[in-house]
Every structure is written in structure tokens, then in C-alpha cells.
């Protein structure tokens, strides 16, 4: 029976390959969607439809920590802007103790406690 299956598999390699690829893709997608929901990431994902109002209410408290533009004029104002951004980030890092578990707390990572967001029913 095994030799018969092996012969059939060799004769239909392309079909077996396509079916196997589809099974693996479906299983991987299923596992990733399960992890997405089980880990709670789905509740944090504000890019989903229906969260336009919530996205507008999100406040950015990262003053002077936005990425520095890679192009543009290199003058005194640009250098001062870079130094200000660097100083802001450096001060924040100096305030943290690298070996303290509190460094990974929700407050330090910027996850403020906010009311739970529920999906709108349409």
C-alpha cells in the first residue's frame, strides 16, 4: 500500500506540492489569527475599521523624540534641533534603571490605562 501511495505521489508531484502548500498556509494563518486574539493584541490594534474616533483621541507625549529628518539643510537651527532631541532622549534614558523590572512596566512603555474600547456593532 505504501509503495502504491509513493508511486501516486511521484506521478502527481505538482498537485501534491500545491495541496501541501495550501494546507501549510491555512494552518499558519489559523495559528497566527488565534495568537492575535488570544494574546490580546486585537484589543490594542487601533488600525481596525471603526476605531477612527479612538485614533484621534490618542495623544503623542513624545516631545522632541520624533525621528530626525535624514535630508535638509545643515545649519545652526538644525544642529540645535538635533541636540535638543538628543538631550530629551538621553534624559529619559538616564532616569531609568537598566536592572529594574519597573522599566518594562506599562507606564514606562507608554501604555496608559484607558477605558476599554469595544467594537462598534453595525
PDB file of N, CA and C in Angstrom:
ATOM      1  N   UNK A   1       0.827  -1.190   0.000  1.00  0.00           N
ATOM      2  CA  UNK A   1       0.000   0.000   0.000  1.00  0.00           C
ATOM      3  C   UNK A   1       0.872   1.255   0.000  1.00  0.00           C
ATOM      4  N   UNK A   2       1.968   1.236   0.777  1.00  0.00           N
ATOM      5  CA  UNK A   2       2.840   2.393   0.837  1.00  0.00           C
ATOM      6  C   UNK A   2       3.511   2.649  -0.509  1.00  0.00           C
ATOM      7  N   UNK A   3       3.893   1.584  -1.180  1.00  0.00           N
ATOM      8  CA  UNK A   3       4.537   1.748  -2.491  1.00  0.00           C
ATOM      9  C   UNK A   3       3.556   2.339  -3.502  1.00  0.00           C
ATOM     10  N   UNK A   4       2.305   1.967  -3.360  1.00  0.00           N
ATOM     11  CA  UNK A   4       1.272   2.497  -4.242  1.00  0.00           C
ATOM     12  C   UNK A   4       1.084   4.001  -4.008  1.00  0.00           C
ATOM     13  N   UNK A   5       1.060   4.400  -2.730  1.00  0.00           N
ATOM     14  CA  UNK A   5       0.930   5.820  -2.380  1.00  0.00           C
ATOM     15  C   UNK A   5       2.139   6.610  -2.861  1.00  0.00           C
ATOM     16  N   UNK A   6       3.321   6.017  -2.698  1.00  0.00           N
ATOM     17  CA  UNK A   6       4.552   6.672  -3.129  1.00  0.00           C
ATOM     18  C   UNK A   6       4.549   6.869  -4.640  1.00  0.00           C
ATOM     19  N   UNK A   7       4.102   5.855  -5.362  1.00  0.00           N
ATOM     20  CA  UNK A   7       4.037   5.938  -6.821  1.00  0.00           C
ATOM     21  C   UNK A   7       3.059   7.028  -7.257  1.00  0.00           C
ATOM     22  N   UNK A   8       1.893   7.060  -6.616  1.00  0.00           N
ATOM     23  CA  UNK A   8       0.897   8.081  -6.947  1.00  0.00           C
ATOM     24  C   UNK A   8       1.443   9.480  -6.644  1.00  0.00           C
ATOM     25  N   UNK A   9       2.151   9.628  -5.508  1.00  0.00           N
ATOM     26  CA  UNK A   9       2.723  10.916  -5.122  1.00  0.00           C
ATOM     27  C   UNK A   9       3.763  11.370  -6.140  1.00  0.00           C
ATOM     28  N   UNK A  10       4.582  10.464  -6.601  1.00  0.00           N
ATOM     29  CA  UNK A  10       5.604  10.808  -7.592  1.00  0.00           C
ATOM     30  C   UNK A  10       4.956  11.198  -8.919  1.00  0.00           C
ATOM     31  N   UNK A  11       3.907  10.524  -9.286  1.00  0.00           N
ATOM     32  CA  UNK A  11       3.222  10.827 -10.545  1.00  0.00           C
ATOM     33  C   UNK A  11       2.507  12.175 -10.496  1.00  0.00           C
ATOM     34  N   UNK A  12       2.047  12.562  -9.308  1.00  0.00           N
ATOM     35  CA  UNK A  12       1.293  13.807  -9.149  1.00  0.00           C
ATOM     36  C   UNK A  12       2.039  14.792  -8.242  1.00  0.00           C
ATOM     37  N   UNK A  13       3.314  14.949  -8.468  1.00  0.00           N
ATOM     38  CA  UNK A  13       4.136  15.812  -7.616  1.00  0.00           C
ATOM     39  C   UNK A  13       3.599  17.237  -7.529  1.00  0.00           C
ATOM     40  N   UNK A  14       3.252  17.782  -8.652  1.00  0.00           N
ATOM     41  CA  UNK A  14       2.812  19.176  -8.689  1.00  0.00           C
ATOM     42  C   UNK A  14       1.520  19.362  -7.893  1.00  0.00           C
ATOM     43  N   UNK A  15       0.588  18.477  -8.046  1.00  0.00           N
ATOM     44  CA  UNK A  15      -0.677  18.572  -7.300  1.00  0.00           C
ATOM     45  C   UNK A  15      -0.432  18.411  -5.798  1.00  0.00           C
ATOM     46  N   UNK A  16       0.425  17.468  -5.438  1.00  0.00           N
ATOM     47  CA  UNK A  16       0.736  17.249  -4.027  1.00  0.00           C
ATOM     48  C   UNK A  16       1.408  18.484  -3.444  1.00  0.00           C
ATOM     49  N   UNK A  17       2.322  19.077  -4.211  1.00  0.00           N
ATOM     50  CA  UNK A  17       3.004  20.279  -3.750  1.00  0.00           C
ATOM     51  C   UNK A  17       2.015  21.422  -3.507  1.00  0.00           C
ATOM     52  N   UNK A  18       1.107  21.644  -4.437  1.00  0.00           N
ATOM     53  CA  UNK A  18       0.125  22.735  -4.297  1.00  0.00           C
ATOM     54  C   UNK A  18      -0.786  22.481  -3.101  1.00  0.00           C
ATOM     55  N   UNK A  19      -1.266  21.268  -2.957  1.00  0.00           N
ATOM     56  CA  UNK A  19      -2.151  20.945  -1.832  1.00  0.00           C
ATOM     57  C   UNK A  19      -1.409  21.104  -0.511  1.00  0.00           C
ATOM     58  N   UNK A  20      -0.177  20.636  -0.449  1.00  0.00           N
ATOM     59  CA  UNK A  20       0.626  20.763   0.765  1.00  0.00           C
ATOM     60  C   UNK A  20       0.897  22.235   1.094  1.00  0.00           C
ATOM     61  N   UNK A  21       1.188  23.047   0.092  1.00  0.00           N
ATOM     62  CA  UNK A  21       1.431  24.472   0.311  1.00  0.00           C
ATOM     63  C   UNK A  21       0.171  25.163   0.841  1.00  0.00           C
ATOM     64  N   UNK A  22      -0.986  24.809   0.300  1.00  0.00           N
ATOM     65  CA  UNK A  22      -2.243  25.390   0.774  1.00  0.00           C
ATOM     66  C   UNK A  22      -2.548  24.978   2.205  1.00  0.00           C
ATOM     67  N   UNK A  23      -2.291  23.734   2.539  1.00  0.00           N
ATOM     68  CA  UNK A  23      -2.533  23.254   3.905  1.00  0.00           C
ATOM     69  C   UNK A  23      -1.623  23.983   4.884  1.00  0.00           C
ATOM     70  N   UNK A  24      -0.344  24.138   4.543  1.00  0.00           N
ATOM     71  CA  UNK A  24       0.597  24.826   5.427  1.00  0.00           C
ATOM     72  C   UNK A  24       0.211  26.306   5.579  1.00  0.00           C
ATOM     73  N   UNK A  25      -0.156  26.954   4.487  1.00  0.00           N
ATOM     74  CA  UNK A  25      -0.551  28.363   4.553  1.00  0.00           C
ATOM     75  C   UNK A  25      -1.803  28.545   5.401  1.00  0.00           C
ATOM     76  N   UNK A  26      -2.776  27.666   5.234  1.00  0.00           N
ATOM     77  CA  UNK A  26      -4.005  27.761   6.018  1.00  0.00           C
ATOM     78  C   UNK A  26      -3.731  27.528   7.498  1.00  0.00           C
ATOM     79  N   UNK A  27      -2.902  26.543   7.800  1.00  0.00           N
ATOM     80  CA  UNK A  27      -2.578  26.264   9.198  1.00  0.00           C
ATOM     81  C   UNK A  27      -1.807  27.430   9.825  1.00  0.00           C
ATOM     82  N   UNK A  28      -0.846  27.980   9.106  1.00  0.00           N
ATOM     83  CA  UNK A  28      -0.074  29.119   9.627  1.00  0.00           C
ATOM     84  C   UNK A  28      -0.969  30.325   9.869  1.00  0.00           C
ATOM     85  N   UNK A  29      -1.864  30.591   8.943  1.00  0.00           N
ATOM     86  CA  UNK A  29      -2.781  31.712   9.111  1.00  0.00           C
ATOM     87  C   UNK A  29      -3.708  31.487  10.289  1.00  0.00           C
ATOM     88  N   UNK A  30      -4.196  30.291  10.433  1.00  0.00           N
ATOM     89  CA  UNK A  30      -5.063  29.974  11.569  1.00  0.00           C
ATOM     90  C   UNK A  30      -4.360  30.149  12.899  1.00  0.00           C
ATOM     91  N   UNK A  31      -3.134  29.677  12.991  1.00  0.00           N
ATOM     92  CA  UNK A  31      -2.366  29.817  14.234  1.00  0.00           C
ATOM     93  C   UNK A  31      -2.084  31.285  14.521  1.00  0.00           C
ATOM     94  N   UNK A  32      -1.718  32.054  13.497  1.00  0.00           N
ATOM     95  CA  UNK A  32      -1.417  33.467  13.735  1.00  0.00           C
ATOM     96  C   UNK A  32      -2.659  34.242  14.149  1.00  0.00           C
ATOM     97  N   UNK A  33      -3.805  33.952  13.571  1.00  0.00           N
ATOM     98  CA  UNK A  33      -5.043  34.624  13.987  1.00  0.00           C
ATOM     99  C   UNK A  33      -5.437  34.228  15.403  1.00  0.00           C
ATOM    100  N   UNK A  34      -5.229  32.981  15.750  1.00  0.00           N
ATOM    101  CA  UNK A  34      -5.510  32.544  17.115  1.00  0.00           C
ATOM    102  C   UNK A  34      -4.608  33.287  18.101  1.00  0.00           C
ATOM    103  N   UNK A  35      -3.320  33.379  17.795  1.00  0.00           N
ATOM    104  CA  UNK A  35      -2.397  34.117  18.665  1.00  0.00           C
ATOM    105  C   UNK A  35      -2.764  35.593  18.747  1.00  0.00           C
ATOM    106  N   UNK A  36      -3.195  36.174  17.642  1.00  0.00           N
ATOM    107  CA  UNK A  36      -3.602  37.583  17.591  1.00  0.00           C
ATOM    108  C   UNK A  36      -4.747  37.847  18.564  1.00  0.00           C
ATOM    109  N   UNK A  37      -5.706  36.952  18.601  1.00  0.00           N
ATOM    110  CA  UNK A  37      -6.835  37.122  19.515  1.00  0.00           C
ATOM    111  C   UNK A  37      -6.494  36.704  20.941  1.00  0.00           C
ATOM    112  N   UNK A  38      -5.811  35.582  21.110  1.00  0.00           N
ATOM    113  CA  UNK A  38      -5.525  35.051  22.447  1.00  0.00           C
ATOM    114  C   UNK A  38      -4.558  35.932  23.229  1.00  0.00           C
ATOM    115  N   UNK A  39      -3.638  36.583  22.544  1.00  0.00           N
ATOM    116  CA  UNK A  39      -2.653  37.407  23.245  1.00  0.00           C
ATOM    117  C   UNK A  39      -3.203  38.776  23.624  1.00  0.00           C
ATOM    118  N   UNK A  40      -4.348  39.159  23.091  1.00  0.00           N
ATOM    119  CA  UNK A  40      -4.920  40.455  23.410  1.00  0.00           C
ATOM    120  C   UNK A  40      -4.470  41.555  22.469  1.00  0.00           C
ATOM    121  N   UNK A  41      -3.677  41.220  21.489  1.00  0.00           N
ATOM    122  CA  UNK A  41      -3.200  42.225  20.541  1.00  0.00           C
ATOM    123  C   UNK A  41      -4.354  42.814  19.746  1.00  0.00           C
ATOM    124  N   UNK A  42      -5.380  42.055  19.524  1.00  0.00           N
ATOM    125  CA  UNK A  42      -6.525  42.550  18.765  1.00  0.00           C
ATOM    126  C   UNK A  42      -7.173  43.740  19.467  1.00  0.00           C
ATOM    127  N   UNK A  43      -7.109  43.749  20.803  1.00  0.00           N
ATOM    128  CA  UNK A  43      -7.696  44.860  21.540  1.00  0.00           C
ATOM    129  C   UNK A  43      -6.855  46.127  21.433  1.00  0.00           C
ATOM    130  N   UNK A  44      -5.563  45.987  21.140  1.00  0.00           N
ATOM    131  CA  UNK A  44      -4.679  47.143  21.030  1.00  0.00           C
ATOM    132  C   UNK A  44      -4.593  47.696  19.616  1.00  0.00           C
ATOM    133  N   UNK A  45      -5.076  46.965  18.658  1.00  0.00           N
ATOM    134  CA  UNK A  45      -4.924  47.332  17.255  1.00  0.00           C
ATOM    135  C   UNK A  45      -5.929  48.415  16.881  1.00  0.00           C
ATOM    136  N   UNK A  46      -5.455  49.645  16.828  1.00  0.00           N
ATOM    137  CA  UNK A  46      -6.340  50.765  16.509  1.00  0.00           C
ATOM    138  C   UNK A  46      -6.464  50.991  15.008  1.00  0.00           C
ATOM    139  N   UNK A  47      -5.827  50.169  14.203  1.00  0.00           N
ATOM    140  CA  UNK A  47      -5.917  50.348  12.760  1.00  0.00           C
ATOM    141  C   UNK A  47      -7.148  49.673  12.178  1.00  0.00           C
ATOM    142  N   UNK A  48      -7.870  48.943  13.002  1.00  0.00           N
ATOM    143  CA  UNK A  48      -9.052  48.254  12.501  1.00  0.00           C
ATOM    144  C   UNK A  48     -10.170  49.245  12.216  1.00  0.00           C
ATOM    145  N   UNK A  49     -11.058  48.910  11.290  1.00  0.00           N
ATOM    146  CA  UNK A  49     -12.182  49.799  10.981  1.00  0.00           C
ATOM    147  C   UNK A  49     -13.060  50.020  12.219  1.00  0.00           C
ATOM    148  N   UNK A  50     -13.583  51.216  12.362  1.00  0.00           N
ATOM    149  CA  UNK A  50     -14.445  51.534  13.489  1.00  0.00           C
ATOM    150  C   UNK A  50     -13.712  52.224  14.624  1.00  0.00           C
ATOM    151  N   UNK A  51     -12.403  52.378  14.523  1.00  0.00           N
ATOM    152  CA  UNK A  51     -11.620  52.993  15.585  1.00  0.00           C
ATOM    153  C   UNK A  51     -11.117  54.380  15.198  1.00  0.00           C
ATOM    154  N   UNK A  52     -11.738  55.012  14.213  1.00  0.00           N
ATOM    155  CA  UNK A  52     -11.290  56.327  13.770  1.00  0.00           C
ATOM    156  C   UNK A  52     -11.349  57.341  14.910  1.00  0.00           C
ATOM    157  N   UNK A  53     -12.430  57.317  15.690  1.00  0.00           N
ATOM    158  CA  UNK A  53     -12.579  58.264  16.796  1.00  0.00           C
ATOM    159  C   UNK A  53     -11.524  58.017  17.876  1.00  0.00           C
ATOM    160  N   UNK A  54     -11.224  56.774  18.151  1.00  0.00           N
ATOM    161  CA  UNK A  54     -10.236  56.439  19.176  1.00  0.00           C
ATOM    162  C   UNK A  54      -8.850  56.861  18.723  1.00  0.00           C
ATOM    163  N   UNK A  55      -8.536  56.679  17.435  1.00  0.00           N
ATOM    164  CA  UNK A  55      -7.229  57.091  16.913  1.00  0.00           C
ATOM    165  C   UNK A  55      -7.028  58.587  17.077  1.00  0.00           C
ATOM    166  N   UNK A  56      -8.099  59.372  16.889  1.00  0.00           N
ATOM    167  CA  UNK A  56      -7.990  60.825  17.018  1.00  0.00           C
ATOM    168  C   UNK A  56      -7.732  61.232  18.468  1.00  0.00           C
ATOM    169  N   UNK A  57      -8.185  60.416  19.429  1.00  0.00           N
ATOM    170  CA  UNK A  57      -8.017  60.753  20.836  1.00  0.00           C
ATOM    171  C   UNK A  57      -6.653  60.357  21.394  1.00  0.00           C
ATOM    172  N   UNK A  58      -5.891  59.574  20.648  1.00  0.00           N
ATOM    173  CA  UNK A  58      -4.570  59.154  21.122  1.00  0.00           C
ATOM    174  C   UNK A  58      -3.654  60.370  21.125  1.00  0.00           C
ATOM    175  N   UNK A  59      -2.999  60.572  22.264  1.00  0.00           N
ATOM    176  CA  UNK A  59      -2.112  61.716  22.401  1.00  0.00           C
ATOM    177  C   UNK A  59      -0.673  61.238  22.341  1.00  0.00           C
ATOM    178  N   UNK A  60       0.136  61.997  21.621  1.00  0.00           N
ATOM    179  CA  UNK A  60       1.556  61.675  21.498  1.00  0.00           C
ATOM    180  C   UNK A  60       2.316  62.495  22.526  1.00  0.00           C
ATOM    181  N   UNK A  61       2.903  61.810  23.519  1.00  0.00           N
ATOM    182  CA  UNK A  61       3.645  62.521  24.560  1.00  0.00           C
ATOM    183  C   UNK A  61       5.148  62.455  24.323  1.00  0.00           C
ATOM    184  N   UNK A  62       5.550  62.129  23.118  1.00  0.00           N
ATOM    185  CA  UNK A  62       6.966  62.016  22.790  1.00  0.00           C
ATOM    186  C   UNK A  62       7.481  63.330  22.201  1.00  0.00           C
ATOM    187  N   UNK A  63       7.501  64.369  22.999  1.00  0.00           N
ATOM    188  CA  UNK A  63       8.005  65.650  22.528  1.00  0.00           C
ATOM    189  C   UNK A  63       9.488  65.529  22.207  1.00  0.00           C
ATOM    190  N   UNK A  64       9.857  66.057  21.094  1.00  0.00           N
ATOM    191  CA  UNK A  64      11.251  66.094  20.639  1.00  0.00           C
ATOM    192  C   UNK A  64      11.888  64.717  20.486  1.00  0.00           C
ATOM    193  N   UNK A  65      11.105  63.683  20.310  1.00  0.00           N
ATOM    194  CA  UNK A  65      11.701  62.369  20.124  1.00  0.00           C
ATOM    195  C   UNK A  65      11.303  61.748  18.794  1.00  0.00           C
ATOM    196  N   UNK A  66      10.717  62.526  17.933  1.00  0.00           N
ATOM    197  CA  UNK A  66      10.387  62.014  16.605  1.00  0.00           C
ATOM    198  C   UNK A  66      11.688  61.826  15.827  1.00  0.00           C
ATOM    199  N   UNK A  67      11.696  60.957  14.838  1.00  0.00           N
ATOM    200  CA  UNK A  67      12.935  60.717  14.082  1.00  0.00           C
ATOM    201  C   UNK A  67      13.468  62.003  13.454  1.00  0.00           C
ATOM    202  N   UNK A  68      14.760  62.117  13.460  1.00  0.00           N
ATOM    203  CA  UNK A  68      15.417  63.269  12.868  1.00  0.00           C
ATOM    204  C   UNK A  68      15.404  63.103  11.353  1.00  0.00           C
ATOM    205  N   UNK A  69      15.035  64.154  10.604  1.00  0.00           N
ATOM    206  CA  UNK A  69      14.957  64.024   9.143  1.00  0.00           C
ATOM    207  C   UNK A  69      16.333  63.764   8.529  1.00  0.00           C
ATOM    208  N   UNK A  70      16.428  62.813   7.622  1.00  0.00           N
ATOM    209  CA  UNK A  70      17.727  62.469   7.030  1.00  0.00           C
ATOM    210  C   UNK A  70      18.196  63.446   5.955  1.00  0.00           C
ATOM    211  N   UNK A  71      17.293  64.288   5.480  1.00  0.00           N
ATOM    212  CA  UNK A  71      17.679  65.246   4.445  1.00  0.00           C
ATOM    213  C   UNK A  71      17.303  66.643   4.901  1.00  0.00           C
ATOM    214  N   UNK A  72      17.891  67.629   4.259  1.00  0.00           N
ATOM    215  CA  UNK A  72      17.577  69.013   4.568  1.00  0.00           C
ATOM    216  C   UNK A  72      18.847  69.812   4.801  1.00  0.00           C
ATOM    217  N   UNK A  73      18.672  71.088   5.062  1.00  0.00           N
ATOM    218  CA  UNK A  73      19.842  71.935   5.256  1.00  0.00           C
ATOM    219  C   UNK A  73      20.544  71.625   6.577  1.00  0.00           C
ATOM    220  N   UNK A  74      21.855  71.817   6.596  1.00  0.00           N
ATOM    221  CA  UNK A  74      22.642  71.606   7.801  1.00  0.00           C
ATOM    222  C   UNK A  74      23.128  72.968   8.281  1.00  0.00           C
ATOM    223  N   UNK A  75      22.286  73.587   9.107  1.00  0.00           N
ATOM    224  CA  UNK A  75      22.633  74.910   9.624  1.00  0.00           C
ATOM    225  C   UNK A  75      22.564  74.899  11.145  1.00  0.00           C
ATOM    226  N   UNK A  76      22.739  76.040  11.765  1.00  0.00           N
ATOM    227  CA  UNK A  76      22.746  76.122  13.228  1.00  0.00           C
ATOM    228  C   UNK A  76      21.415  75.683  13.834  1.00  0.00           C
ATOM    229  N   UNK A  77      20.313  76.029  13.196  1.00  0.00           N
ATOM    230  CA  UNK A  77      18.998  75.652  13.723  1.00  0.00           C
ATOM    231  C   UNK A  77      18.810  74.129  13.691  1.00  0.00           C
ATOM    232  N   UNK A  78      19.281  73.486  12.635  1.00  0.00           N
ATOM    233  CA  UNK A  78      19.169  72.033  12.523  1.00  0.00           C
ATOM    234  C   UNK A  78      20.013  71.341  13.590  1.00  0.00           C
ATOM    235  N   UNK A  79      21.212  71.840  13.791  1.00  0.00           N
ATOM    236  CA  UNK A  79      22.097  71.253  14.799  1.00  0.00           C
ATOM    237  C   UNK A  79      21.506  71.436  16.196  1.00  0.00           C
ATOM    238  N   UNK A  80      20.933  72.604  16.460  1.00  0.00           N
ATOM    239  CA  UNK A  80      20.313  72.846  17.767  1.00  0.00           C
ATOM    240  C   UNK A  80      19.104  71.938  17.973  1.00  0.00           C
ATOM    241  N   UNK A  81      18.328  71.740  16.894  1.00  0.00           N
ATOM    242  CA  UNK A  81      17.178  70.826  16.967  1.00  0.00           C
ATOM    243  C   UNK A  81      17.649  69.407  17.296  1.00  0.00           C
ATOM    244  N   UNK A  82      18.710  68.945  16.646  1.00  0.00           N
ATOM    245  CA  UNK A  82      19.243  67.622  16.920  1.00  0.00           C
ATOM    246  C   UNK A  82      19.716  67.510  18.366  1.00  0.00           C
ATOM    247  N   UNK A  83      20.407  68.505  18.845  1.00  0.00           N
ATOM    248  CA  UNK A  83      20.907  68.470  20.219  1.00  0.00           C
ATOM    249  C   UNK A  83      19.756  68.448  21.221  1.00  0.00           C
ATOM    250  N   UNK A  84      18.700  69.189  20.953  1.00  0.00           N
ATOM    251  CA  UNK A  84      17.535  69.202  21.833  1.00  0.00           C
ATOM    252  C   UNK A  84      16.878  67.822  21.866  1.00  0.00           C
ATOM    253  N   UNK A  85      16.703  67.215  20.694  1.00  0.00           N
ATOM    254  CA  UNK A  85      16.116  65.865  20.631  1.00  0.00           C
ATOM    255  C   UNK A  85      17.008  64.861  21.359  1.00  0.00           C
ATOM    256  N   UNK A  86      18.290  64.942  21.133  1.00  0.00           N
ATOM    257  CA  UNK A  86      19.239  64.032  21.767  1.00  0.00           C
ATOM    258  C   UNK A  86      19.201  64.188  23.284  1.00  0.00           C
ATOM    259  N   UNK A  87      19.160  65.427  23.749  1.00  0.00           N
ATOM    260  CA  UNK A  87      19.136  65.683  25.192  1.00  0.00           C
ATOM    261  C   UNK A  87      17.860  65.119  25.818  1.00  0.00           C
ATOM    262  N   UNK A  88      16.719  65.297  25.154  1.00  0.00           N
ATOM    263  CA  UNK A  88      15.444  64.793  25.667  1.00  0.00           C
ATOM    264  C   UNK A  88      15.481  63.273  25.824  1.00  0.00           C
ATOM    265  N   UNK A  89      15.943  62.574  24.800  1.00  0.00           N
ATOM    266  CA  UNK A  89      16.008  61.113  24.854  1.00  0.00           C
ATOM    267  C   UNK A  89      17.035  60.668  25.885  1.00  0.00           C
ATOM    268  N   UNK A  90      18.167  61.338  25.940  1.00  0.00           N
ATOM    269  CA  UNK A  90      19.214  60.981  26.893  1.00  0.00           C
ATOM    270  C   UNK A  90      18.727  61.136  28.334  1.00  0.00           C
ATOM    271  N   UNK A  91      17.994  62.199  28.610  1.00  0.00           N
ATOM    272  CA  UNK A  91      17.471  62.402  29.971  1.00  0.00           C
ATOM    273  C   UNK A  91      16.470  61.315  30.340  1.00  0.00           C
ATOM    274  N   UNK A  92      15.626  60.919  29.409  1.00  0.00           N
ATOM    275  CA  UNK A  92      14.669  59.841  29.689  1.00  0.00           C
ATOM    276  C   UNK A  92      15.383  58.536  29.980  1.00  0.00           C
ATOM    277  N   UNK A  93      16.420  58.252  29.216  1.00  0.00           N
ATOM    278  CA  UNK A  93      17.166  57.009  29.433  1.00  0.00           C
ATOM    279  C   UNK A  93      17.932  57.046  30.746  1.00  0.00           C
ATOM    280  N   UNK A  94      18.458  58.205  31.120  1.00  0.00           N
ATOM    281  CA  UNK A  94      19.192  58.321  32.381  1.00  0.00           C
ATOM    282  C   UNK A  94      18.288  58.124  33.593  1.00  0.00           C
ATOM    283  N   UNK A  95      17.002  58.418  33.455  1.00  0.00           N
ATOM    284  CA  UNK A  95      16.065  58.276  34.561  1.00  0.00           C
ATOM    285  C   UNK A  95      15.706  56.819  34.829  1.00  0.00           C
ATOM    286  N   UNK A  96      15.979  55.964  33.869  1.00  0.00           N
ATOM    287  CA  UNK A  96      15.615  54.553  34.019  1.00  0.00           C
ATOM    288  C   UNK A  96      16.780  53.758  34.570  1.00  0.00           C
ATOM    289  N   UNK A  97      16.432  52.807  35.436  1.00  0.00           N
ATOM    290  CA  UNK A  97      17.430  51.884  35.962  1.00  0.00           C
ATOM    291  C   UNK A  97      17.388  50.642  35.079  1.00  0.00           C
ATOM    292  N   UNK A  98      18.481  50.338  34.438  1.00  0.00           N
ATOM    293  CA  UNK A  98      18.506  49.236  33.474  1.00  0.00           C
ATOM    294  C   UNK A  98      18.194  47.878  34.082  1.00  0.00           C
ATOM    295  N   UNK A  99      18.426  47.719  35.382  1.00  0.00           N
ATOM    296  CA  UNK A  99      18.253  46.412  36.008  1.00  0.00           C
ATOM    297  C   UNK A  99      16.989  46.310  36.841  1.00  0.00           C
ATOM    298  N   UNK A 100      16.107  47.251  36.689  1.00  0.00           N
ATOM    299  CA  UNK A 100      14.877  47.266  37.464  1.00  0.00           C
ATOM    300  C   UNK A 100      13.737  46.714  36.612  1.00  0.00           C
ATOM    301  N   UNK A 101      12.913  45.854  37.204  1.00  0.00           N
ATOM    302  CA  UNK A 101      11.777  45.297  36.459  1.00  0.00           C
ATOM    303  C   UNK A 101      10.746  46.353  36.115  1.00  0.00           C
ATOM    304  N   UNK A 102      10.735  47.460  36.854  1.00  0.00           N
ATOM    305  CA  UNK A 102       9.766  48.517  36.592  1.00  0.00           C
ATOM    306  C   UNK A 102      10.016  49.202  35.254  1.00  0.00           C
ATOM    307  N   UNK A 103      11.195  49.018  34.680  1.00  0.00           N
ATOM    308  CA  UNK A 103      11.497  49.635  33.386  1.00  0.00           C
ATOM    309  C   UNK A 103      10.530  49.121  32.327  1.00  0.00           C
ATOM    310  N   UNK A 104      10.121  47.864  32.445  1.00  0.00           N
ATOM    311  CA  UNK A 104       9.203  47.284  31.471  1.00  0.00           C
ATOM    312  C   UNK A 104       7.735  47.423  31.887  1.00  0.00           C
ATOM    313  N   UNK A 105       7.452  48.309  32.844  1.00  0.00           N
ATOM    314  CA  UNK A 105       6.064  48.494  33.274  1.00  0.00           C
ATOM    315  C   UNK A 105       5.270  49.214  32.181  1.00  0.00           C
ATOM    316  N   UNK A 106       3.968  49.110  32.257  1.00  0.00           N
ATOM    317  CA  UNK A 106       3.103  49.745  31.273  1.00  0.00           C
ATOM    318  C   UNK A 106       3.279  51.261  31.256  1.00  0.00           C
ATOM    319  N   UNK A 107       3.487  51.855  32.422  1.00  0.00           N
ATOM    320  CA  UNK A 107       3.647  53.308  32.480  1.00  0.00           C
ATOM    321  C   UNK A 107       4.916  53.751  31.748  1.00  0.00           C
ATOM    322  N   UNK A 108       6.016  53.058  31.985  1.00  0.00           N
ATOM    323  CA  UNK A 108       7.273  53.428  31.326  1.00  0.00           C
ATOM    324  C   UNK A 108       7.240  53.169  29.826  1.00  0.00           C
ATOM    325  N   UNK A 109       6.494  52.169  29.404  1.00  0.00           N
ATOM    326  CA  UNK A 109       6.396  51.876  27.984  1.00  0.00           C
ATOM    327  C   UNK A 109       5.357  52.749  27.290  1.00  0.00           C
ATOM    328  N   UNK A 110       4.622  53.542  28.064  1.00  0.00           N
ATOM    329  CA  UNK A 110       3.661  54.462  27.474  1.00  0.00           C
ATOM    330  C   UNK A 110       2.289  53.890  27.257  1.00  0.00           C
ATOM    331  N   UNK A 111       1.985  52.768  27.909  1.00  0.00           N
ATOM    332  CA  UNK A 111       0.646  52.197  27.800  1.00  0.00           C
ATOM    333  C   UNK A 111      -0.176  52.717  28.964  1.00  0.00           C
ATOM    334  N   UNK A 112      -0.855  53.815  28.749  1.00  0.00           N
ATOM    335  CA  UNK A 112      -1.657  54.394  29.817  1.00  0.00           C
ATOM    336  C   UNK A 112      -2.945  53.598  29.985  1.00  0.00           C
ATOM    337  N   UNK A 113      -3.408  53.513  31.215  1.00  0.00           N
ATOM    338  CA  UNK A 113      -4.682  52.851  31.454  1.00  0.00           C
ATOM    339  C   UNK A 113      -5.784  53.710  30.856  1.00  0.00           C
ATOM    340  N   UNK A 114      -6.500  53.139  29.946  1.00  0.00           N
ATOM    341  CA  UNK A 114      -7.595  53.859  29.316  1.00  0.00           C
ATOM    342  C   UNK A 114      -8.816  52.958  29.331  1.00  0.00           C
ATOM    343  N   UNK A 115      -9.988  53.538  29.189  1.00  0.00           N
ATOM    344  CA  UNK A 115     -11.189  52.703  29.183  1.00  0.00           C
ATOM    345  C   UNK A 115     -11.145  51.716  28.025  1.00  0.00           C
ATOM    346  N   UNK A 116     -11.728  50.567  28.263  1.00  0.00           N
ATOM    347  CA  UNK A 116     -11.725  49.515  27.248  1.00  0.00           C
ATOM    348  C   UNK A 116     -12.484  49.982  26.015  1.00  0.00           C
ATOM    349  N   UNK A 117     -11.939  49.668  24.878  1.00  0.00           N
ATOM    350  CA  UNK A 117     -12.551  50.034  23.616  1.00  0.00           C
ATOM    351  C   UNK A 117     -13.304  48.829  23.100  1.00  0.00           C
ATOM    352  N   UNK A 118     -14.553  49.030  22.767  1.00  0.00           N
ATOM    353  CA  UNK A 118     -15.332  47.931  22.222  1.00  0.00           C
ATOM    354  C   UNK A 118     -15.614  48.217  20.767  1.00  0.00           C
ATOM    355  N   UNK A 119     -15.747  47.161  20.017  1.00  0.00           N
ATOM    356  CA  UNK A 119     -16.000  47.321  18.592  1.00  0.00           C
ATOM    357  C   UNK A 119     -17.430  47.770  18.379  1.00  0.00           C
ATOM    358  N   UNK A 120     -17.631  48.727  17.475  1.00  0.00           N
ATOM    359  CA  UNK A 120     -18.999  49.167  17.203  1.00  0.00           C
ATOM    360  C   UNK A 120     -19.775  48.074  16.490  1.00  0.00           C
ATOM    361  N   UNK A 121     -21.018  47.982  16.823  1.00  0.00           N
ATOM    362  CA  UNK A 121     -21.905  46.992  16.174  1.00  0.00           C
ATOM    363  C   UNK A 121     -22.618  47.717  15.043  1.00  0.00           C
ATOM    364  N   UNK A 122     -22.413  47.201  13.870  1.00  0.00           N
ATOM    365  CA  UNK A 122     -23.032  47.843  12.700  1.00  0.00           C
ATOM    366  C   UNK A 122     -24.039  46.956  12.068  1.00  0.00           C
TER     367      UNK A 122
END
